[in-house]
Amino acid sequence: MADDDNRILPGLTRAVTFGAIGGGGLVIVFVVAGWSRSDASAVAFSLAALVFGFGLTVWASTLLLGESLAGMHATLDRDWNAADTQWAMAILTIVGAAGMVSASVVTILLGG
């Protein structure tokens, strides 16, 4: 349990940083590649929203079906942990959210 507590803040910090760099970076890369600011912003925001939506959907699904999936995996002799999956999907959700915010902020800073 102590390991879980020690990985929360660094994991969240890495997720926010990765999402912010990814979302804002995509806008900048697309603009440098010749796209209009609005198109670059729309695509970068949409990609970040895709990651956010996937993470949120799978996270919610593991909350609802975690025990059933764990029972199925135990029957199949596979090592699976619902808590680890929830943590991974929470990280994806945070990456997506940070990417959406970053894409929006970079677009505003670029004058779009």
PDB file of N, CA and C in Angstrom:
ATOM      1  N   MET A   1       0.812  -1.190   0.000  1.00  0.00           N
ATOM      2  CA  MET A   1       0.000   0.000   0.000  1.00  0.00           C
ATOM      3  C   MET A   1       0.860   1.261   0.000  1.00  0.00           C
ATOM      4  N   ALA A   2       2.017   1.208   0.646  1.00  0.00           N
ATOM      5  CA  ALA A   2       2.900   2.369   0.675  1.00  0.00           C
ATOM      6  C   ALA A   2       3.410   2.690  -0.721  1.00  0.00           C
ATOM      7  N   ASP A   3       3.645   1.666  -1.536  1.00  0.00           N
ATOM      8  CA  ASP A   3       4.094   1.902  -2.907  1.00  0.00           C
ATOM      9  C   ASP A   3       3.029   2.644  -3.701  1.00  0.00           C
ATOM     10  N   ASP A   4       1.755   2.307  -3.469  1.00  0.00           N
ATOM     11  CA  ASP A   4       0.671   2.986  -4.164  1.00  0.00           C
ATOM     12  C   ASP A   4       0.631   4.463  -3.793  1.00  0.00           C
ATOM     13  N   ASP A   5       0.822   4.763  -2.522  1.00  0.00           N
ATOM     14  CA  ASP A   5       0.799   6.153  -2.076  1.00  0.00           C
ATOM     15  C   ASP A   5       1.974   6.938  -2.639  1.00  0.00           C
ATOM     16  N   ASN A   6       3.113   6.297  -2.784  1.00  0.00           N
ATOM     17  CA  ASN A   6       4.301   6.975  -3.284  1.00  0.00           C
ATOM     18  C   ASN A   6       4.276   7.212  -4.783  1.00  0.00           C
ATOM     19  N   ARG A   7       3.430   6.523  -5.526  1.00  0.00           N
ATOM     20  CA  ARG A   7       3.422   6.692  -6.975  1.00  0.00           C
ATOM     21  C   ARG A   7       2.335   7.655  -7.453  1.00  0.00           C
ATOM     22  N   ILE A   8       1.473   8.101  -6.579  1.00  0.00           N
ATOM     23  CA  ILE A   8       0.347   8.926  -7.015  1.00  0.00           C
ATOM     24  C   ILE A   8       0.810  10.281  -7.532  1.00  0.00           C
ATOM     25  N   LEU A   9       1.504  11.066  -6.719  1.00  0.00           N
ATOM     26  CA  LEU A   9       1.891  12.414  -7.135  1.00  0.00           C
ATOM     27  C   LEU A   9       2.868  12.412  -8.308  1.00  0.00           C
ATOM     28  N   PRO A  10       3.928  11.601  -8.276  1.00  0.00           N
ATOM     29  CA  PRO A  10       4.808  11.587  -9.461  1.00  0.00           C
ATOM     30  C   PRO A  10       4.089  11.116 -10.726  1.00  0.00           C
ATOM     31  N   GLY A  11       3.198  10.158 -10.593  1.00  0.00           N
ATOM     32  CA  GLY A  11       2.446   9.675 -11.749  1.00  0.00           C
ATOM     33  C   GLY A  11       1.531  10.744 -12.314  1.00  0.00           C
ATOM     34  N   LEU A  12       0.858  11.473 -11.437  1.00  0.00           N
ATOM     35  CA  LEU A  12      -0.025  12.544 -11.887  1.00  0.00           C
ATOM     36  C   LEU A  12       0.774  13.682 -12.514  1.00  0.00           C
ATOM     37  N   THR A  13       1.908  13.996 -11.915  1.00  0.00           N
ATOM     38  CA  THR A  13       2.753  15.063 -12.460  1.00  0.00           C
ATOM     39  C   THR A  13       3.255  14.711 -13.849  1.00  0.00           C
ATOM     40  N   ARG A  14       3.708  13.477 -14.031  1.00  0.00           N
ATOM     41  CA  ARG A  14       4.164  13.036 -15.354  1.00  0.00           C
ATOM     42  C   ARG A  14       3.018  13.053 -16.358  1.00  0.00           C
ATOM     43  N   ALA A  15       1.843  12.642 -15.938  1.00  0.00           N
ATOM     44  CA  ALA A  15       0.696  12.603 -16.847  1.00  0.00           C
ATOM     45  C   ALA A  15       0.306  14.010 -17.292  1.00  0.00           C
ATOM     46  N   VAL A  16       0.256  14.948 -16.364  1.00  0.00           N
ATOM     47  CA  VAL A  16      -0.092  16.323 -16.714  1.00  0.00           C
ATOM     48  C   VAL A  16       0.969  16.924 -17.626  1.00  0.00           C
ATOM     49  N   THR A  17       2.236  16.687 -17.309  1.00  0.00           N
ATOM     50  CA  THR A  17       3.324  17.216 -18.134  1.00  0.00           C
ATOM     51  C   THR A  17       3.283  16.632 -19.536  1.00  0.00           C
ATOM     52  N   PHE A  18       3.136  15.331 -19.638  1.00  0.00           N
ATOM     53  CA  PHE A  18       3.081  14.674 -20.943  1.00  0.00           C
ATOM     54  C   PHE A  18       1.894  15.176 -21.757  1.00  0.00           C
ATOM     55  N   GLY A  19       0.737  15.286 -21.120  1.00  0.00           N
ATOM     56  CA  GLY A  19      -0.450  15.763 -21.831  1.00  0.00           C
ATOM     57  C   GLY A  19      -0.310  17.204 -22.279  1.00  0.00           C
ATOM     58  N   ALA A  20       0.247  18.046 -21.405  1.00  0.00           N
ATOM     59  CA  ALA A  20       0.409  19.460 -21.752  1.00  0.00           C
ATOM     60  C   ALA A  20       1.402  19.641 -22.887  1.00  0.00           C
ATOM     61  N   ILE A  21       2.507  18.933 -22.832  1.00  0.00           N
ATOM     62  CA  ILE A  21       3.498  19.029 -23.907  1.00  0.00           C
ATOM     63  C   ILE A  21       2.930  18.442 -25.197  1.00  0.00           C
ATOM     64  N   GLY A  22       2.213  17.339 -25.075  1.00  0.00           N
ATOM     65  CA  GLY A  22       1.645  16.700 -26.263  1.00  0.00           C
ATOM     66  C   GLY A  22       0.592  17.550 -26.945  1.00  0.00           C
ATOM     67  N   GLY A  23      -0.354  18.061 -26.189  1.00  0.00           N
ATOM     68  CA  GLY A  23      -1.431  18.856 -26.779  1.00  0.00           C
ATOM     69  C   GLY A  23      -0.941  20.159 -27.381  1.00  0.00           C
ATOM     70  N   GLY A  24      -0.166  20.902 -26.597  1.00  0.00           N
ATOM     71  CA  GLY A  24       0.368  22.166 -27.099  1.00  0.00           C
ATOM     72  C   GLY A  24       1.386  21.956 -28.200  1.00  0.00           C
ATOM     73  N   GLY A  25       2.189  20.909 -28.041  1.00  0.00           N
ATOM     74  CA  GLY A  25       3.202  20.609 -29.051  1.00  0.00           C
ATOM     75  C   GLY A  25       2.585  20.253 -30.388  1.00  0.00           C
ATOM     76  N   LEU A  26       1.485  19.518 -30.359  1.00  0.00           N
ATOM     77  CA  LEU A  26       0.821  19.169 -31.622  1.00  0.00           C
ATOM     78  C   LEU A  26       0.317  20.407 -32.347  1.00  0.00           C
ATOM     79  N   VAL A  27      -0.234  21.357 -31.608  1.00  0.00           N
ATOM     80  CA  VAL A  27      -0.708  22.591 -32.246  1.00  0.00           C
ATOM     81  C   VAL A  27       0.460  23.296 -32.927  1.00  0.00           C
ATOM     82  N   ILE A  28       1.566  23.422 -32.214  1.00  0.00           N
ATOM     83  CA  ILE A  28       2.734  24.103 -32.770  1.00  0.00           C
ATOM     84  C   ILE A  28       3.287  23.358 -33.987  1.00  0.00           C
ATOM     85  N   VAL A  29       3.387  22.042 -33.885  1.00  0.00           N
ATOM     86  CA  VAL A  29       3.901  21.246 -35.014  1.00  0.00           C
ATOM     87  C   VAL A  29       3.000  21.397 -36.232  1.00  0.00           C
ATOM     88  N   PHE A  30       1.699  21.348 -36.026  1.00  0.00           N
ATOM     89  CA  PHE A  30       0.780  21.483 -37.159  1.00  0.00           C
ATOM     90  C   PHE A  30       0.855  22.878 -37.783  1.00  0.00           C
ATOM     91  N   VAL A  31       0.981  23.912 -36.961  1.00  0.00           N
ATOM     92  CA  VAL A  31       1.083  25.275 -37.485  1.00  0.00           C
ATOM     93  C   VAL A  31       2.381  25.443 -38.266  1.00  0.00           C
ATOM     94  N   VAL A  32       3.483  24.914 -37.727  1.00  0.00           N
ATOM     95  CA  VAL A  32       4.765  24.991 -38.432  1.00  0.00           C
ATOM     96  C   VAL A  32       4.705  24.220 -39.751  1.00  0.00           C
ATOM     97  N   ALA A  33       3.925  23.150 -39.779  1.00  0.00           N
ATOM     98  CA  ALA A  33       3.787  22.345 -40.992  1.00  0.00           C
ATOM     99  C   ALA A  33       2.902  23.024 -42.036  1.00  0.00           C
ATOM    100  N   GLY A  34       2.312  24.161 -41.690  1.00  0.00           N
ATOM    101  CA  GLY A  34       1.531  24.903 -42.668  1.00  0.00           C
ATOM    102  C   GLY A  34       0.028  24.857 -42.476  1.00  0.00           C
ATOM    103  N   TRP A  35      -0.442  24.222 -41.436  1.00  0.00           N
ATOM    104  CA  TRP A  35      -1.880  24.180 -41.182  1.00  0.00           C
ATOM    105  C   TRP A  35      -2.330  25.526 -40.632  1.00  0.00           C
ATOM    106  N   SER A  36      -3.595  25.836 -40.788  1.00  0.00           N
ATOM    107  CA  SER A  36      -4.132  27.042 -40.157  1.00  0.00           C
ATOM    108  C   SER A  36      -4.228  26.804 -38.649  1.00  0.00           C
ATOM    109  N   ARG A  37      -4.220  27.898 -37.897  1.00  0.00           N
ATOM    110  CA  ARG A  37      -4.292  27.754 -36.435  1.00  0.00           C
ATOM    111  C   ARG A  37      -5.564  27.045 -35.997  1.00  0.00           C
ATOM    112  N   SER A  38      -6.669  27.339 -36.652  1.00  0.00           N
ATOM    113  CA  SER A  38      -7.926  26.716 -36.251  1.00  0.00           C
ATOM    114  C   SER A  38      -7.939  25.217 -36.549  1.00  0.00           C
ATOM    115  N   ASP A  39      -7.394  24.829 -37.700  1.00  0.00           N
ATOM    116  CA  ASP A  39      -7.320  23.401 -38.030  1.00  0.00           C
ATOM    117  C   ASP A  39      -6.366  22.672 -37.093  1.00  0.00           C
ATOM    118  N   ALA A  40      -5.212  23.288 -36.838  1.00  0.00           N
ATOM    119  CA  ALA A  40      -4.228  22.679 -35.936  1.00  0.00           C
ATOM    120  C   ALA A  40      -4.810  22.500 -34.548  1.00  0.00           C
ATOM    121  N   SER A  41      -5.517  23.519 -34.084  1.00  0.00           N
ATOM    122  CA  SER A  41      -6.133  23.450 -32.763  1.00  0.00           C
ATOM    123  C   SER A  41      -7.216  22.376 -32.701  1.00  0.00           C
ATOM    124  N   ALA A  42      -8.039  22.323 -33.737  1.00  0.00           N
ATOM    125  CA  ALA A  42      -9.138  21.350 -33.763  1.00  0.00           C
ATOM    126  C   ALA A  42      -8.615  19.910 -33.752  1.00  0.00           C
ATOM    127  N   VAL A  43      -7.580  19.651 -34.544  1.00  0.00           N
ATOM    128  CA  VAL A  43      -7.048  18.285 -34.620  1.00  0.00           C
ATOM    129  C   VAL A  43      -6.348  17.909 -33.309  1.00  0.00           C
ATOM    130  N   ALA A  44      -5.525  18.815 -32.779  1.00  0.00           N
ATOM    131  CA  ALA A  44      -4.818  18.519 -31.524  1.00  0.00           C
ATOM    132  C   ALA A  44      -5.805  18.324 -30.375  1.00  0.00           C
ATOM    133  N   PHE A  45      -6.816  19.184 -30.306  1.00  0.00           N
ATOM    134  CA  PHE A  45      -7.824  19.050 -29.261  1.00  0.00           C
ATOM    135  C   PHE A  45      -8.593  17.742 -29.418  1.00  0.00           C
ATOM    136  N   SER A  46      -8.932  17.395 -30.644  1.00  0.00           N
ATOM    137  CA  SER A  46      -9.682  16.160 -30.894  1.00  0.00           C
ATOM    138  C   SER A  46      -8.885  14.919 -30.523  1.00  0.00           C
ATOM    139  N   LEU A  47      -7.592  14.906 -30.825  1.00  0.00           N
ATOM    140  CA  LEU A  47      -6.756  13.762 -30.453  1.00  0.00           C
ATOM    141  C   LEU A  47      -6.647  13.632 -28.932  1.00  0.00           C
ATOM    142  N   ALA A  48      -6.489  14.760 -28.257  1.00  0.00           N
ATOM    143  CA  ALA A  48      -6.435  14.729 -26.793  1.00  0.00           C
ATOM    144  C   ALA A  48      -7.780  14.284 -26.219  1.00  0.00           C
ATOM    145  N   ALA A  49      -8.869  14.737 -26.825  1.00  0.00           N
ATOM    146  CA  ALA A  49     -10.199  14.329 -26.361  1.00  0.00           C
ATOM    147  C   ALA A  49     -10.431  12.840 -26.573  1.00  0.00           C
ATOM    148  N   LEU A  50      -9.860  12.288 -27.636  1.00  0.00           N
ATOM    149  CA  LEU A  50      -9.958  10.853 -27.886  1.00  0.00           C
ATOM    150  C   LEU A  50      -9.278  10.066 -26.770  1.00  0.00           C
ATOM    151  N   VAL A  51      -8.086  10.494 -26.384  1.00  0.00           N
ATOM    152  CA  VAL A  51      -7.372   9.841 -25.278  1.00  0.00           C
ATOM    153  C   VAL A  51      -8.167   9.988 -23.990  1.00  0.00           C
ATOM    154  N   PHE A  52      -8.678  11.188 -23.735  1.00  0.00           N
ATOM    155  CA  PHE A  52      -9.479  11.446 -22.536  1.00  0.00           C
ATOM    156  C   PHE A  52     -10.703  10.538 -22.493  1.00  0.00           C
ATOM    157  N   GLY A  53     -11.420  10.475 -23.596  1.00  0.00           N
ATOM    158  CA  GLY A  53     -12.642   9.670 -23.640  1.00  0.00           C
ATOM    159  C   GLY A  53     -12.381   8.185 -23.474  1.00  0.00           C
ATOM    160  N   PHE A  54     -11.328   7.698 -24.111  1.00  0.00           N
ATOM    161  CA  PHE A  54     -10.977   6.283 -23.971  1.00  0.00           C
ATOM    162  C   PHE A  54     -10.622   5.966 -22.524  1.00  0.00           C
ATOM    163  N   GLY A  55      -9.767   6.794 -21.932  1.00  0.00           N
ATOM    164  CA  GLY A  55      -9.363   6.563 -20.542  1.00  0.00           C
ATOM    165  C   GLY A  55     -10.542   6.594 -19.593  1.00  0.00           C
ATOM    166  N   LEU A  56     -11.419   7.570 -19.776  1.00  0.00           N
ATOM    167  CA  LEU A  56     -12.577   7.700 -18.889  1.00  0.00           C
ATOM    168  C   LEU A  56     -13.537   6.530 -19.046  1.00  0.00           C
ATOM    169  N   THR A  57     -13.760   6.101 -20.268  1.00  0.00           N
ATOM    170  CA  THR A  57     -14.684   4.992 -20.513  1.00  0.00           C
ATOM    171  C   THR A  57     -14.158   3.685 -19.922  1.00  0.00           C
ATOM    172  N   VAL A  58     -12.898   3.385 -20.159  1.00  0.00           N
ATOM    173  CA  VAL A  58     -12.337   2.130 -19.641  1.00  0.00           C
ATOM    174  C   VAL A  58     -12.219   2.191 -18.120  1.00  0.00           C
ATOM    175  N   TRP A  59     -11.861   3.351 -17.578  1.00  0.00           N
ATOM    176  CA  TRP A  59     -11.772   3.508 -16.124  1.00  0.00           C
ATOM    177  C   TRP A  59     -13.129   3.222 -15.483  1.00  0.00           C
ATOM    178  N   ALA A  60     -14.188   3.818 -16.033  1.00  0.00           N
ATOM    179  CA  ALA A  60     -15.528   3.585 -15.493  1.00  0.00           C
ATOM    180  C   ALA A  60     -15.944   2.129 -15.650  1.00  0.00           C
ATOM    181  N   SER A  61     -15.575   1.528 -16.763  1.00  0.00           N
ATOM    182  CA  SER A  61     -15.916   0.124 -16.985  1.00  0.00           C
ATOM    183  C   SER A  61     -15.233  -0.787 -15.977  1.00  0.00           C
ATOM    184  N   THR A  62     -13.966  -0.503 -15.645  1.00  0.00           N
ATOM    185  CA  THR A  62     -13.288  -1.349 -14.665  1.00  0.00           C
ATOM    186  C   THR A  62     -13.850  -1.131 -13.264  1.00  0.00           C
ATOM    187  N   LEU A  63     -14.376   0.062 -13.001  1.00  0.00           N
ATOM    188  CA  LEU A  63     -15.035   0.262 -11.712  1.00  0.00           C
ATOM    189  C   LEU A  63     -16.296  -0.586 -11.614  1.00  0.00           C
ATOM    190  N   LEU A  64     -17.051  -0.629 -12.699  1.00  0.00           N
ATOM    191  CA  LEU A  64     -18.307  -1.373 -12.693  1.00  0.00           C
ATOM    192  C   LEU A  64     -18.104  -2.884 -12.814  1.00  0.00           C
ATOM    193  N   LEU A  65     -17.138  -3.287 -13.627  1.00  0.00           N
ATOM    194  CA  LEU A  65     -16.982  -4.705 -13.948  1.00  0.00           C
ATOM    195  C   LEU A  65     -15.712  -5.319 -13.379  1.00  0.00           C
ATOM    196  N   GLY A  66     -15.003  -4.603 -12.521  1.00  0.00           N
ATOM    197  CA  GLY A  66     -13.702  -5.057 -12.036  1.00  0.00           C
ATOM    198  C   GLY A  66     -13.715  -6.438 -11.414  1.00  0.00           C
ATOM    199  N   GLU A  67     -14.669  -6.700 -10.542  1.00  0.00           N
ATOM    200  CA  GLU A  67     -14.711  -8.002  -9.874  1.00  0.00           C
ATOM    201  C   GLU A  67     -15.065  -9.118 -10.847  1.00  0.00           C
ATOM    202  N   SER A  68     -15.943  -8.835 -11.787  1.00  0.00           N
ATOM    203  CA  SER A  68     -16.296  -9.846 -12.784  1.00  0.00           C
ATOM    204  C   SER A  68     -15.108 -10.176 -13.678  1.00  0.00           C
ATOM    205  N   LEU A  69     -14.394  -9.139 -14.106  1.00  0.00           N
ATOM    206  CA  LEU A  69     -13.215  -9.367 -14.940  1.00  0.00           C
ATOM    207  C   LEU A  69     -12.120 -10.083 -14.167  1.00  0.00           C
ATOM    208  N   ALA A  70     -11.956  -9.741 -12.893  1.00  0.00           N
ATOM    209  CA  ALA A  70     -10.954 -10.421 -12.070  1.00  0.00           C
ATOM    210  C   ALA A  70     -11.291 -11.900 -11.928  1.00  0.00           C
ATOM    211  N   GLY A  71     -12.577 -12.216 -11.738  1.00  0.00           N
ATOM    212  CA  GLY A  71     -12.990 -13.615 -11.647  1.00  0.00           C
ATOM    213  C   GLY A  71     -12.750 -14.365 -12.939  1.00  0.00           C
ATOM    214  N   MET A  72     -13.011 -13.707 -14.063  1.00  0.00           N
ATOM    215  CA  MET A  72     -12.776 -14.341 -15.355  1.00  0.00           C
ATOM    216  C   MET A  72     -11.278 -14.601 -15.556  1.00  0.00           C
ATOM    217  N   HIS A  73     -10.450 -13.618 -15.218  1.00  0.00           N
ATOM    218  CA  HIS A  73      -9.007 -13.791 -15.388  1.00  0.00           C
ATOM    219  C   HIS A  73      -8.453 -14.837 -14.426  1.00  0.00           C
ATOM    220  N   ALA A  74      -9.016 -14.941 -13.241  1.00  0.00           N
ATOM    221  CA  ALA A  74      -8.572 -15.974 -12.305  1.00  0.00           C
ATOM    222  C   ALA A  74      -8.911 -17.356 -12.855  1.00  0.00           C
ATOM    223  N   THR A  75     -10.063 -17.477 -13.504  1.00  0.00           N
ATOM    224  CA  THR A  75     -10.450 -18.737 -14.118  1.00  0.00           C
ATOM    225  C   THR A  75      -9.508 -19.103 -15.252  1.00  0.00           C
ATOM    226  N   LEU A  76      -9.031 -18.104 -15.971  1.00  0.00           N
ATOM    227  CA  LEU A  76      -8.132 -18.334 -17.104  1.00  0.00           C
ATOM    228  C   LEU A  76      -6.666 -18.384 -16.688  1.00  0.00           C
ATOM    229  N   ASP A  77      -6.384 -18.340 -15.393  1.00  0.00           N
ATOM    230  CA  ASP A  77      -5.019 -18.359 -14.852  1.00  0.00           C
ATOM    231  C   ASP A  77      -4.171 -17.205 -15.377  1.00  0.00           C
ATOM    232  N   ARG A  78      -4.756 -16.032 -15.393  1.00  0.00           N
ATOM    233  CA  ARG A  78      -4.023 -14.833 -15.817  1.00  0.00           C
ATOM    234  C   ARG A  78      -3.940 -13.879 -14.641  1.00  0.00           C
ATOM    235  N   ASP A  79      -2.799 -13.205 -14.544  1.00  0.00           N
ATOM    236  CA  ASP A  79      -2.602 -12.234 -13.475  1.00  0.00           C
ATOM    237  C   ASP A  79      -3.155 -10.887 -13.937  1.00  0.00           C
ATOM    238  N   TRP A  80      -4.228 -10.438 -13.311  1.00  0.00           N
ATOM    239  CA  TRP A  80      -4.861  -9.189 -13.684  1.00  0.00           C
ATOM    240  C   TRP A  80      -5.355  -8.517 -12.425  1.00  0.00           C
ATOM    241  N   ASN A  81      -5.190  -7.207 -12.360  1.00  0.00           N
ATOM    242  CA  ASN A  81      -5.585  -6.472 -11.177  1.00  0.00           C
ATOM    243  C   ASN A  81      -6.427  -5.271 -11.605  1.00  0.00           C
ATOM    244  N   ALA A  82      -7.635  -5.182 -11.101  1.00  0.00           N
ATOM    245  CA  ALA A  82      -8.530  -4.089 -11.475  1.00  0.00           C
ATOM    246  C   ALA A  82      -7.967  -2.740 -11.034  1.00  0.00           C
ATOM    247  N   ALA A  83      -7.323  -2.695  -9.889  1.00  0.00           N
ATOM    248  CA  ALA A  83      -6.777  -1.428  -9.390  1.00  0.00           C
ATOM    249  C   ALA A  83      -5.688  -0.893 -10.309  1.00  0.00           C
ATOM    250  N   ASP A  84      -4.831  -1.770 -10.827  1.00  0.00           N
ATOM    251  CA  ASP A  84      -3.796  -1.327 -11.756  1.00  0.00           C
ATOM    252  C   ASP A  84      -4.394  -0.805 -13.057  1.00  0.00           C
ATOM    253  N   THR A  85      -5.438  -1.445 -13.529  1.00  0.00           N
ATOM    254  CA  THR A  85      -6.102  -0.983 -14.739  1.00  0.00           C
ATOM    255  C   THR A  85      -6.773   0.361 -14.503  1.00  0.00           C
ATOM    256  N   GLN A  86      -7.406   0.514 -13.352  1.00  0.00           N
ATOM    257  CA  GLN A  86      -8.036   1.796 -13.025  1.00  0.00           C
ATOM    258  C   GLN A  86      -6.997   2.904 -12.951  1.00  0.00           C
ATOM    259  N   TRP A  87      -5.842   2.598 -12.362  1.00  0.00           N
ATOM    260  CA  TRP A  87      -4.775   3.591 -12.272  1.00  0.00           C
ATOM    261  C   TRP A  87      -4.273   3.974 -13.665  1.00  0.00           C
ATOM    262  N   ALA A  88      -4.069   3.004 -14.525  1.00  0.00           N
ATOM    263  CA  ALA A  88      -3.585   3.277 -15.874  1.00  0.00           C
ATOM    264  C   ALA A  88      -4.590   4.121 -16.657  1.00  0.00           C
ATOM    265  N   MET A  89      -5.858   3.820 -16.531  1.00  0.00           N
ATOM    266  CA  MET A  89      -6.869   4.580 -17.250  1.00  0.00           C
ATOM    267  C   MET A  89      -7.055   5.970 -16.660  1.00  0.00           C
ATOM    268  N   ALA A  90      -6.858   6.112 -15.357  1.00  0.00           N
ATOM    269  CA  ALA A  90      -6.895   7.445 -14.746  1.00  0.00           C
ATOM    270  C   ALA A  90      -5.760   8.303 -15.296  1.00  0.00           C
ATOM    271  N   ILE A  91      -4.593   7.697 -15.472  1.00  0.00           N
ATOM    272  CA  ILE A  91      -3.457   8.420 -16.049  1.00  0.00           C
ATOM    273  C   ILE A  91      -3.775   8.832 -17.488  1.00  0.00           C
ATOM    274  N   LEU A  92      -4.349   7.937 -18.285  1.00  0.00           N
ATOM    275  CA  LEU A  92      -4.733   8.296 -19.652  1.00  0.00           C
ATOM    276  C   LEU A  92      -5.750   9.430 -19.668  1.00  0.00           C
ATOM    277  N   THR A  93      -6.700   9.389 -18.759  1.00  0.00           N
ATOM    278  CA  THR A  93      -7.707  10.435 -18.673  1.00  0.00           C
ATOM    279  C   THR A  93      -7.067  11.780 -18.365  1.00  0.00           C
ATOM    280  N   ILE A  94      -6.110  11.791 -17.448  1.00  0.00           N
ATOM    281  CA  ILE A  94      -5.423  13.025 -17.091  1.00  0.00           C
ATOM    282  C   ILE A  94      -4.567  13.532 -18.247  1.00  0.00           C
ATOM    283  N   VAL A  95      -3.900  12.628 -18.947  1.00  0.00           N
ATOM    284  CA  VAL A  95      -3.108  13.021 -20.122  1.00  0.00           C
ATOM    285  C   VAL A  95      -4.014  13.690 -21.155  1.00  0.00           C
ATOM    286  N   GLY A  96      -5.155  13.093 -21.409  1.00  0.00           N
ATOM    287  CA  GLY A  96      -6.092  13.666 -22.375  1.00  0.00           C
ATOM    288  C   GLY A  96      -6.627  15.016 -21.945  1.00  0.00           C
ATOM    289  N   ALA A  97      -6.977  15.149 -20.672  1.00  0.00           N
ATOM    290  CA  ALA A  97      -7.488  16.425 -20.169  1.00  0.00           C
ATOM    291  C   ALA A  97      -6.421  17.512 -20.257  1.00  0.00           C
ATOM    292  N   ALA A  98      -5.205  17.176 -19.865  1.00  0.00           N
ATOM    293  CA  ALA A  98      -4.115  18.157 -19.946  1.00  0.00           C
ATOM    294  C   ALA A  98      -3.829  18.533 -21.393  1.00  0.00           C
ATOM    295  N   GLY A  99      -3.927  17.575 -22.293  1.00  0.00           N
ATOM    296  CA  GLY A  99      -3.721  17.857 -23.712  1.00  0.00           C
ATOM    297  C   GLY A  99      -4.782  18.787 -24.270  1.00  0.00           C
ATOM    298  N   MET A 100      -6.032  18.590 -23.858  1.00  0.00           N
ATOM    299  CA  MET A 100      -7.099  19.477 -24.324  1.00  0.00           C
ATOM    300  C   MET A 100      -6.895  20.904 -23.823  1.00  0.00           C
ATOM    301  N   VAL A 101      -6.560  21.039 -22.549  1.00  0.00           N
ATOM    302  CA  VAL A 101      -6.331  22.368 -21.981  1.00  0.00           C
ATOM    303  C   VAL A 101      -5.126  23.024 -22.658  1.00  0.00           C
ATOM    304  N   SER A 102      -4.057  22.276 -22.816  1.00  0.00           N
ATOM    305  CA  SER A 102      -2.842  22.808 -23.428  1.00  0.00           C
ATOM    306  C   SER A 102      -3.079  23.226 -24.879  1.00  0.00           C
ATOM    307  N   ALA A 103      -3.790  22.416 -25.638  1.00  0.00           N
ATOM    308  CA  ALA A 103      -4.085  22.778 -27.027  1.00  0.00           C
ATOM    309  C   ALA A 103      -4.880  24.074 -27.091  1.00  0.00           C
ATOM    310  N   SER A 104      -5.808  24.236 -26.169  1.00  0.00           N
ATOM    311  CA  SER A 104      -6.606  25.465 -26.136  1.00  0.00           C
ATOM    312  C   SER A 104      -5.755  26.667 -25.752  1.00  0.00           C
ATOM    313  N   VAL A 105      -4.912  26.523 -24.749  1.00  0.00           N
ATOM    314  CA  VAL A 105      -4.074  27.634 -24.296  1.00  0.00           C
ATOM    315  C   VAL A 105      -3.074  28.028 -25.368  1.00  0.00           C
ATOM    316  N   VAL A 106      -2.429  27.049 -26.006  1.00  0.00           N
ATOM    317  CA  VAL A 106      -1.461  27.372 -27.064  1.00  0.00           C
ATOM    318  C   VAL A 106      -2.150  28.051 -28.235  1.00  0.00           C
ATOM    319  N   THR A 107      -3.356  27.630 -28.564  1.00  0.00           N
ATOM    320  CA  THR A 107      -4.100  28.273 -29.635  1.00  0.00           C
ATOM    321  C   THR A 107      -4.384  29.740 -29.295  1.00  0.00           C
ATOM    322  N   ILE A 108      -4.764  29.990 -28.062  1.00  0.00           N
ATOM    323  CA  ILE A 108      -5.012  31.371 -27.630  1.00  0.00           C
ATOM    324  C   ILE A 108      -3.721  32.175 -27.692  1.00  0.00           C
ATOM    325  N   LEU A 109      -2.615  31.592 -27.244  1.00  0.00           N
ATOM    326  CA  LEU A 109      -1.334  32.295 -27.267  1.00  0.00           C
ATOM    327  C   LEU A 109      -0.845  32.580 -28.687  1.00  0.00           C
ATOM    328  N   LEU A 110      -1.208  31.721 -29.619  1.00  0.00           N
ATOM    329  CA  LEU A 110      -0.833  31.937 -31.019  1.00  0.00           C
ATOM    330  C   LEU A 110      -1.754  32.931 -31.721  1.00  0.00           C
ATOM    331  N   GLY A 111      -2.766  33.389 -31.026  1.00  0.00           N
ATOM    332  CA  GLY A 111      -3.673  34.385 -31.600  1.00  0.00           C
ATOM    333  C   GLY A 111      -4.848  33.802 -32.342  1.00  0.00           C
ATOM    334  N   GLY A 112      -5.190  32.560 -32.030  1.00  0.00           N
ATOM    335  CA  GLY A 112      -6.267  31.906 -32.743  1.00  0.00           C
ATOM    336  C   GLY A 112      -7.509  31.871 -31.955  1.00  0.00           C
TER     337      GLY A 112
END
